Amino acid sequence: MAKDLVCGMDVDEKTAKYKTTYKGKTYYFCAPGCKKMFEENPEKYVGGSAKR
């Protein structure tokens, strides 16, 4: 299981519909809104300061 860094939800990498790659690593999301928020400011989430 991967964690959606935007909302903190667990996401199954095998079935996730929403994902993006940043600095060579793939990140998975529960919904398109979380993916969009991550893509607008990835450093905010990669640094471990997930907003819940």
C-alpha atoms as a PDB file:
ATOM      1  CA  MET A   1       0.000   0.000   0.000  1.00  0.00           C
ATOM      2  CA  ALA A   2       1.073   3.516  -0.772  1.00  0.00           C
ATOM      3  CA  LYS A   3      -0.076   6.619   1.071  1.00  0.00           C
ATOM      4  CA  ASP A   4      -1.736   9.548  -0.664  1.00  0.00           C
ATOM      5  CA  LEU A   5       0.547  12.330   0.590  1.00  0.00           C
ATOM      6  CA  VAL A   6      -2.168  14.953   0.177  1.00  0.00           C
ATOM      7  CA  CYS A   7      -4.959  13.438   2.301  1.00  0.00           C
ATOM      8  CA  GLY A   8      -3.167  10.564   4.062  1.00  0.00           C
ATOM      9  CA  MET A   9      -5.404   7.821   2.654  1.00  0.00           C
ATOM     10  CA  ASP A  10      -3.944   4.387   1.860  1.00  0.00           C
ATOM     11  CA  VAL A  11      -3.915   3.674  -1.888  1.00  0.00           C
ATOM     12  CA  ASP A  12      -3.295   0.318  -3.595  1.00  0.00           C
ATOM     13  CA  GLU A  13      -0.548   0.845  -6.175  1.00  0.00           C
ATOM     14  CA  LYS A  14      -1.932  -1.966  -8.344  1.00  0.00           C
ATOM     15  CA  THR A  15      -5.405  -0.466  -8.735  1.00  0.00           C
ATOM     16  CA  ALA A  16      -4.789   3.269  -8.284  1.00  0.00           C
ATOM     17  CA  LYS A  17      -6.324   5.332 -11.086  1.00  0.00           C
ATOM     18  CA  TYR A  18      -4.402   8.489 -10.190  1.00  0.00           C
ATOM     19  CA  LYS A  19      -0.617   8.651 -10.105  1.00  0.00           C
ATOM     20  CA  THR A  20       2.217  10.914 -11.080  1.00  0.00           C
ATOM     21  CA  THR A  21       6.001  10.747 -11.178  1.00  0.00           C
ATOM     22  CA  TYR A  22       8.115  13.356  -9.442  1.00  0.00           C
ATOM     23  CA  LYS A  23      11.928  13.287  -9.345  1.00  0.00           C
ATOM     24  CA  GLY A  24      11.924   9.677 -10.549  1.00  0.00           C
ATOM     25  CA  LYS A  25       9.479   8.372  -7.928  1.00  0.00           C
ATOM     26  CA  THR A  26       5.843   7.434  -8.527  1.00  0.00           C
ATOM     27  CA  TYR A  27       3.201   8.808  -6.160  1.00  0.00           C
ATOM     28  CA  TYR A  28      -0.346   7.462  -5.939  1.00  0.00           C
ATOM     29  CA  PHE A  29      -3.566   9.321  -5.134  1.00  0.00           C
ATOM     30  CA  CYS A  30      -7.121   8.457  -4.118  1.00  0.00           C
ATOM     31  CA  ALA A  31      -8.760  11.081  -6.341  1.00  0.00           C
ATOM     32  CA  PRO A  32      -7.981  13.552  -9.131  1.00  0.00           C
ATOM     33  CA  GLY A  33      -8.174  16.482  -6.712  1.00  0.00           C
ATOM     34  CA  CYS A  34      -5.361  15.085  -4.569  1.00  0.00           C
ATOM     35  CA  LYS A  35      -3.242  14.442  -7.673  1.00  0.00           C
ATOM     36  CA  LYS A  36      -3.825  18.012  -8.870  1.00  0.00           C
ATOM     37  CA  MET A  37      -2.904  19.523  -5.488  1.00  0.00           C
ATOM     38  CA  PHE A  38       0.304  17.464  -5.406  1.00  0.00           C
ATOM     39  CA  GLU A  39       1.273  18.459  -8.950  1.00  0.00           C
ATOM     40  CA  GLU A  40       0.731  22.157  -8.177  1.00  0.00           C
ATOM     41  CA  ASN A  41       3.188  22.072  -5.250  1.00  0.00           C
ATOM     42  CA  PRO A  42       4.954  18.689  -4.898  1.00  0.00           C
ATOM     43  CA  GLU A  43       7.641  19.931  -2.498  1.00  0.00           C
ATOM     44  CA  LYS A  44       4.937  20.746   0.047  1.00  0.00           C
ATOM     45  CA  TYR A  45       4.006  17.048   0.221  1.00  0.00           C
ATOM     46  CA  VAL A  46       7.299  15.270  -0.478  1.00  0.00           C
ATOM     47  CA  GLY A  47       8.799  17.016   2.544  1.00  0.00           C
ATOM     48  CA  GLY A  48       6.446  15.006   4.762  1.00  0.00           C
ATOM     49  CA  SER A  49       4.119  17.842   5.726  1.00  0.00           C
ATOM     50  CA  ALA A  50       0.919  16.238   4.422  1.00  0.00           C
ATOM     51  CA  LYS A  51      -2.125  18.404   4.991  1.00  0.00           C
ATOM     52  CA  ARG A  52      -5.091  16.547   6.444  1.00  0.00           C
END
